[in-house]
N, C-alpha and C. Protein backbone atom coordinates (compact mmCIF):
# COMPACT_ATOMS: atom_id res chain seq x y z
N MET A 1 -106.32 67.89 -285.57
CA MET A 1 -107.17 67.59 -284.45
C MET A 1 -108.61 67.53 -284.94
N THR A 2 -109.33 66.53 -284.52
CA THR A 2 -110.73 66.39 -284.92
C THR A 2 -111.61 66.47 -283.68
N SER A 3 -112.89 66.68 -283.91
CA SER A 3 -113.84 66.70 -282.78
C SER A 3 -114.77 65.50 -282.91
N ILE A 4 -115.43 65.20 -281.83
CA ILE A 4 -116.34 64.06 -281.81
C ILE A 4 -117.77 64.61 -281.69
N ASP A 5 -118.66 64.09 -282.52
CA ASP A 5 -120.06 64.53 -282.45
C ASP A 5 -120.86 63.53 -281.62
N MET A 6 -122.14 63.82 -281.45
CA MET A 6 -123.00 62.98 -280.60
C MET A 6 -123.06 61.54 -281.12
N HIS A 7 -123.15 61.38 -282.44
CA HIS A 7 -123.24 60.03 -283.01
C HIS A 7 -121.99 59.21 -282.68
N LYS A 8 -120.81 59.81 -282.85
CA LYS A 8 -119.57 59.10 -282.56
C LYS A 8 -119.43 58.82 -281.07
N LEU A 9 -119.86 59.77 -280.24
CA LEU A 9 -119.80 59.58 -278.79
C LEU A 9 -120.67 58.41 -278.36
N VAL A 10 -121.89 58.36 -278.87
CA VAL A 10 -122.82 57.27 -278.53
C VAL A 10 -122.29 55.94 -279.04
N SER A 11 -121.78 55.91 -280.26
CA SER A 11 -121.25 54.66 -280.83
C SER A 11 -120.06 54.15 -280.02
N SER A 12 -119.17 55.06 -279.65
CA SER A 12 -118.00 54.67 -278.88
C SER A 12 -118.39 54.15 -277.50
N LEU A 13 -119.32 54.84 -276.85
CA LEU A 13 -119.79 54.40 -275.54
C LEU A 13 -120.47 53.04 -275.64
N ASN A 14 -121.32 52.87 -276.64
CA ASN A 14 -122.03 51.60 -276.82
C ASN A 14 -121.05 50.46 -277.08
N TYR A 15 -120.02 50.69 -277.88
CA TYR A 15 -119.02 49.67 -278.16
C TYR A 15 -118.32 49.24 -276.87
N ARG A 16 -117.93 50.22 -276.05
CA ARG A 16 -117.22 49.90 -274.81
C ARG A 16 -118.12 49.20 -273.80
N VAL A 17 -119.39 49.61 -273.75
CA VAL A 17 -120.34 48.96 -272.84
C VAL A 17 -120.58 47.52 -273.29
N ARG A 18 -120.77 47.31 -274.59
CA ARG A 18 -120.97 45.94 -275.10
C ARG A 18 -119.75 45.08 -274.86
N PHE A 19 -118.56 45.67 -274.98
CA PHE A 19 -117.32 44.94 -274.75
C PHE A 19 -117.24 44.45 -273.31
N SER A 20 -117.86 45.19 -272.39
CA SER A 20 -117.85 44.78 -270.98
C SER A 20 -118.93 43.75 -270.66
N GLY A 21 -119.75 43.39 -271.66
CA GLY A 21 -120.73 42.33 -271.48
C GLY A 21 -122.16 42.80 -271.29
N ILE A 22 -122.40 44.10 -271.35
CA ILE A 22 -123.76 44.63 -271.21
C ILE A 22 -124.29 44.96 -272.60
N ASN A 23 -125.44 44.42 -272.94
CA ASN A 23 -125.99 44.61 -274.28
C ASN A 23 -127.10 45.66 -274.25
N ILE A 24 -126.81 46.84 -274.80
CA ILE A 24 -127.83 47.88 -274.93
C ILE A 24 -127.81 48.39 -276.37
N THR A 25 -128.90 49.02 -276.77
CA THR A 25 -129.00 49.54 -278.13
C THR A 25 -128.41 50.94 -278.19
N ASP A 26 -128.18 51.41 -279.43
CA ASP A 26 -127.69 52.78 -279.62
C ASP A 26 -128.69 53.80 -279.08
N ASP A 27 -129.99 53.53 -279.25
CA ASP A 27 -131.01 54.45 -278.75
C ASP A 27 -130.97 54.56 -277.22
N GLU A 28 -130.80 53.43 -276.54
CA GLU A 28 -130.69 53.46 -275.08
C GLU A 28 -129.44 54.21 -274.64
N CYS A 29 -128.37 53.99 -275.37
CA CYS A 29 -127.11 54.66 -275.07
C CYS A 29 -127.25 56.17 -275.29
N ARG A 30 -127.92 56.56 -276.37
CA ARG A 30 -128.14 57.97 -276.67
C ARG A 30 -128.97 58.63 -275.55
N LYS A 31 -129.98 57.93 -275.06
CA LYS A 31 -130.81 58.47 -273.97
C LYS A 31 -129.99 58.67 -272.70
N ILE A 32 -129.07 57.75 -272.43
CA ILE A 32 -128.20 57.88 -271.26
C ILE A 32 -127.32 59.12 -271.38
N VAL A 33 -126.70 59.30 -272.54
CA VAL A 33 -125.83 60.46 -272.77
C VAL A 33 -126.63 61.76 -272.68
N GLN A 34 -127.80 61.80 -273.33
CA GLN A 34 -128.63 63.00 -273.30
C GLN A 34 -129.11 63.30 -271.88
N THR A 35 -129.43 62.28 -271.11
CA THR A 35 -129.85 62.48 -269.72
C THR A 35 -128.70 63.05 -268.89
N LEU A 36 -127.50 62.54 -269.09
CA LEU A 36 -126.33 63.05 -268.38
C LEU A 36 -126.12 64.53 -268.69
N PHE A 37 -126.17 64.89 -269.98
CA PHE A 37 -125.99 66.30 -270.36
C PHE A 37 -127.12 67.16 -269.82
N SER A 38 -128.32 66.62 -269.78
CA SER A 38 -129.47 67.36 -269.25
C SER A 38 -129.30 67.64 -267.76
N ILE A 39 -128.81 66.66 -267.02
CA ILE A 39 -128.58 66.85 -265.58
C ILE A 39 -127.51 67.91 -265.34
N ILE A 40 -126.42 67.84 -266.09
CA ILE A 40 -125.35 68.84 -265.95
C ILE A 40 -125.88 70.23 -266.27
N SER A 41 -126.62 70.37 -267.37
CA SER A 41 -127.19 71.66 -267.77
C SER A 41 -128.14 72.20 -266.71
N SER A 42 -128.97 71.35 -266.19
CA SER A 42 -129.96 71.73 -265.18
C SER A 42 -129.28 72.23 -263.90
N GLU A 43 -128.28 71.52 -263.46
CA GLU A 43 -127.56 71.92 -262.25
C GLU A 43 -126.85 73.26 -262.44
N LEU A 44 -126.23 73.44 -263.61
CA LEU A 44 -125.56 74.71 -263.89
C LEU A 44 -126.56 75.85 -263.96
N LYS A 45 -127.70 75.60 -264.57
CA LYS A 45 -128.74 76.63 -264.68
C LYS A 45 -129.22 77.06 -263.30
N ASP A 46 -129.26 76.11 -262.34
CA ASP A 46 -129.68 76.41 -260.97
C ASP A 46 -128.57 77.06 -260.14
N GLY A 47 -127.40 77.26 -260.74
CA GLY A 47 -126.29 77.91 -260.04
C GLY A 47 -125.36 76.97 -259.31
N ASN A 48 -125.54 75.67 -259.48
CA ASN A 48 -124.68 74.68 -258.82
C ASN A 48 -123.49 74.33 -259.70
N SER A 49 -122.41 73.91 -259.08
CA SER A 49 -121.29 73.39 -259.85
C SER A 49 -121.45 71.87 -259.95
N VAL A 50 -120.83 71.28 -260.96
CA VAL A 50 -120.91 69.84 -261.17
C VAL A 50 -119.48 69.30 -261.19
N ALA A 51 -119.15 68.47 -260.20
CA ALA A 51 -117.82 67.88 -260.10
C ALA A 51 -117.92 66.40 -260.40
N ILE A 52 -117.13 65.96 -261.36
CA ILE A 52 -117.08 64.54 -261.72
C ILE A 52 -115.66 64.06 -261.40
N ARG A 53 -115.57 63.21 -260.41
CA ARG A 53 -114.27 62.75 -259.92
C ARG A 53 -113.43 62.16 -261.06
N GLU A 54 -112.16 62.51 -261.07
CA GLU A 54 -111.18 62.07 -262.06
C GLU A 54 -111.49 62.58 -263.47
N PHE A 55 -112.41 63.55 -263.59
CA PHE A 55 -112.69 64.16 -264.89
C PHE A 55 -112.54 65.67 -264.81
N GLY A 56 -113.36 66.31 -263.97
CA GLY A 56 -113.25 67.75 -263.83
C GLY A 56 -114.47 68.37 -263.20
N ARG A 57 -114.49 69.71 -263.19
CA ARG A 57 -115.57 70.45 -262.54
C ARG A 57 -116.10 71.51 -263.50
N PHE A 58 -117.42 71.52 -263.66
CA PHE A 58 -118.11 72.55 -264.42
C PHE A 58 -118.65 73.57 -263.43
N THR A 59 -118.38 74.85 -263.66
CA THR A 59 -118.90 75.90 -262.80
C THR A 59 -119.49 77.01 -263.66
N LEU A 60 -120.34 77.80 -263.05
CA LEU A 60 -120.95 78.93 -263.71
C LEU A 60 -120.28 80.19 -263.19
N LYS A 61 -119.78 81.03 -264.10
CA LYS A 61 -119.14 82.28 -263.71
C LYS A 61 -119.89 83.44 -264.36
N LYS A 62 -119.80 84.59 -263.73
CA LYS A 62 -120.44 85.77 -264.29
C LYS A 62 -119.37 86.62 -264.97
N ARG A 63 -119.58 86.89 -266.24
CA ARG A 63 -118.67 87.75 -266.98
C ARG A 63 -119.22 89.17 -266.91
N ALA A 64 -118.41 90.10 -266.46
CA ALA A 64 -118.84 91.48 -266.27
C ALA A 64 -119.15 92.15 -267.60
N GLY A 65 -120.11 93.06 -267.57
CA GLY A 65 -120.42 93.85 -268.76
C GLY A 65 -119.31 94.86 -269.00
N ARG A 66 -119.23 95.35 -270.22
CA ARG A 66 -118.18 96.32 -270.54
C ARG A 66 -118.63 97.19 -271.71
N THR A 67 -117.95 98.28 -271.90
CA THR A 67 -118.22 99.18 -273.01
C THR A 67 -117.07 99.08 -273.99
N ILE A 68 -117.39 98.94 -275.26
CA ILE A 68 -116.36 98.86 -276.30
C ILE A 68 -116.55 100.01 -277.28
N ARG A 69 -115.51 100.30 -278.02
CA ARG A 69 -115.54 101.39 -278.98
C ARG A 69 -115.34 100.83 -280.39
N SER A 70 -116.14 101.32 -281.33
CA SER A 70 -116.01 100.92 -282.72
C SER A 70 -114.93 101.75 -283.39
N ASN A 71 -114.24 101.18 -284.36
CA ASN A 71 -113.19 101.90 -285.08
C ASN A 71 -113.66 102.49 -286.40
N ILE A 72 -114.96 102.49 -286.66
CA ILE A 72 -115.48 103.03 -287.92
C ILE A 72 -115.41 104.55 -287.85
N PRO A 73 -114.63 105.19 -288.74
CA PRO A 73 -114.42 106.64 -288.63
C PRO A 73 -115.65 107.48 -288.97
N ALA A 74 -116.59 106.98 -289.75
CA ALA A 74 -117.75 107.77 -290.17
C ALA A 74 -118.77 107.96 -289.05
N LEU A 75 -118.67 107.22 -287.97
CA LEU A 75 -119.64 107.31 -286.89
C LEU A 75 -119.28 108.44 -285.92
N SER A 76 -120.31 109.03 -285.31
CA SER A 76 -120.06 110.04 -284.28
C SER A 76 -119.56 109.34 -283.02
N VAL A 77 -119.06 110.13 -282.08
CA VAL A 77 -118.49 109.57 -280.85
C VAL A 77 -119.54 108.75 -280.10
N GLU A 78 -120.79 109.25 -280.04
CA GLU A 78 -121.84 108.54 -279.32
C GLU A 78 -122.16 107.19 -279.97
N ASP A 79 -122.10 107.14 -281.32
CA ASP A 79 -122.42 105.91 -282.04
C ASP A 79 -121.30 104.88 -281.96
N LYS A 80 -120.10 105.31 -281.59
CA LYS A 80 -118.96 104.39 -281.55
C LYS A 80 -118.93 103.54 -280.28
N LEU A 81 -119.68 103.92 -279.27
CA LEU A 81 -119.65 103.20 -278.01
C LEU A 81 -120.77 102.17 -277.95
N TYR A 82 -120.41 100.95 -277.61
CA TYR A 82 -121.37 99.86 -277.48
C TYR A 82 -121.23 99.24 -276.11
N THR A 83 -122.34 98.94 -275.49
CA THR A 83 -122.32 98.29 -274.18
C THR A 83 -122.62 96.81 -274.36
N ILE A 84 -121.73 95.99 -273.86
CA ILE A 84 -121.94 94.54 -273.86
C ILE A 84 -122.40 94.18 -272.45
N PRO A 85 -123.61 93.63 -272.31
CA PRO A 85 -124.13 93.34 -270.97
C PRO A 85 -123.39 92.18 -270.31
N SER A 86 -123.49 92.12 -268.99
CA SER A 86 -122.89 90.99 -268.27
C SER A 86 -123.67 89.72 -268.61
N LYS A 87 -123.00 88.59 -268.49
CA LYS A 87 -123.65 87.31 -268.78
C LYS A 87 -122.98 86.20 -268.00
N ARG A 88 -123.67 85.08 -267.92
CA ARG A 88 -123.12 83.91 -267.24
C ARG A 88 -122.46 83.01 -268.28
N VAL A 89 -121.31 82.46 -267.93
CA VAL A 89 -120.59 81.55 -268.83
C VAL A 89 -120.21 80.29 -268.06
N VAL A 90 -120.12 79.19 -268.78
CA VAL A 90 -119.73 77.91 -268.17
C VAL A 90 -118.22 77.78 -268.24
N SER A 91 -117.63 77.40 -267.14
CA SER A 91 -116.20 77.19 -267.06
C SER A 91 -115.94 75.72 -266.72
N PHE A 92 -114.88 75.16 -267.28
CA PHE A 92 -114.52 73.77 -266.99
C PHE A 92 -113.07 73.74 -266.54
N LYS A 93 -112.83 73.08 -265.42
CA LYS A 93 -111.47 72.86 -264.94
C LYS A 93 -111.26 71.36 -264.84
N CYS A 94 -110.30 70.86 -265.60
CA CYS A 94 -110.09 69.41 -265.59
C CYS A 94 -109.31 68.98 -264.35
N SER A 95 -109.52 67.74 -263.99
CA SER A 95 -108.87 67.19 -262.80
C SER A 95 -107.41 66.86 -263.11
N PRO A 96 -106.58 66.74 -262.08
CA PRO A 96 -105.19 66.32 -262.30
C PRO A 96 -105.10 64.95 -262.97
N THR A 97 -106.03 64.06 -262.67
CA THR A 97 -106.03 62.73 -263.29
C THR A 97 -106.23 62.85 -264.79
N LEU A 98 -107.19 63.66 -265.23
CA LEU A 98 -107.43 63.86 -266.66
C LEU A 98 -106.23 64.53 -267.32
N LEU A 99 -105.63 65.49 -266.64
CA LEU A 99 -104.44 66.14 -267.19
C LEU A 99 -103.32 65.14 -267.41
N ASP A 100 -103.13 64.23 -266.46
CA ASP A 100 -102.09 63.20 -266.60
C ASP A 100 -102.38 62.30 -267.80
N VAL A 101 -103.64 61.92 -267.98
CA VAL A 101 -104.01 61.05 -269.11
C VAL A 101 -103.76 61.77 -270.43
N VAL A 102 -104.15 63.04 -270.51
CA VAL A 102 -104.01 63.80 -271.75
C VAL A 102 -102.54 64.05 -272.09
N ASN A 103 -101.72 64.31 -271.08
CA ASN A 103 -100.32 64.64 -271.31
C ASN A 103 -99.39 63.44 -271.33
N ARG A 104 -99.92 62.26 -271.04
CA ARG A 104 -99.10 61.06 -271.04
C ARG A 104 -98.63 60.75 -272.46
N LYS A 105 -97.37 60.45 -272.59
CA LYS A 105 -96.84 60.08 -273.91
C LYS A 105 -97.14 58.62 -274.17
N SER A 106 -97.64 58.36 -275.38
CA SER A 106 -98.00 56.97 -275.70
C SER A 106 -96.87 56.21 -276.33
């Protein structure tokens, strides 16, 4: 399994857009992708969820803080306990349409 980086994403998008008859440059395509990611990030930062039909939903969840214990035997009991603070994490739930596309046998 491989991953796609920003350069490959922009190139692939530009190829498909050009194939549909719209002529834009890679730089214009990159700005579109970066703007889309910026909008999603901004909405999540403001506490909003982002739903993209037939793709999925990005939501912000709060992960509770917890205390963990170290297994290093040389430490005293007080030094073995660490507190991990609560934090916000991004969650993605894909749509049934995307699940069908991903699981479809070719």
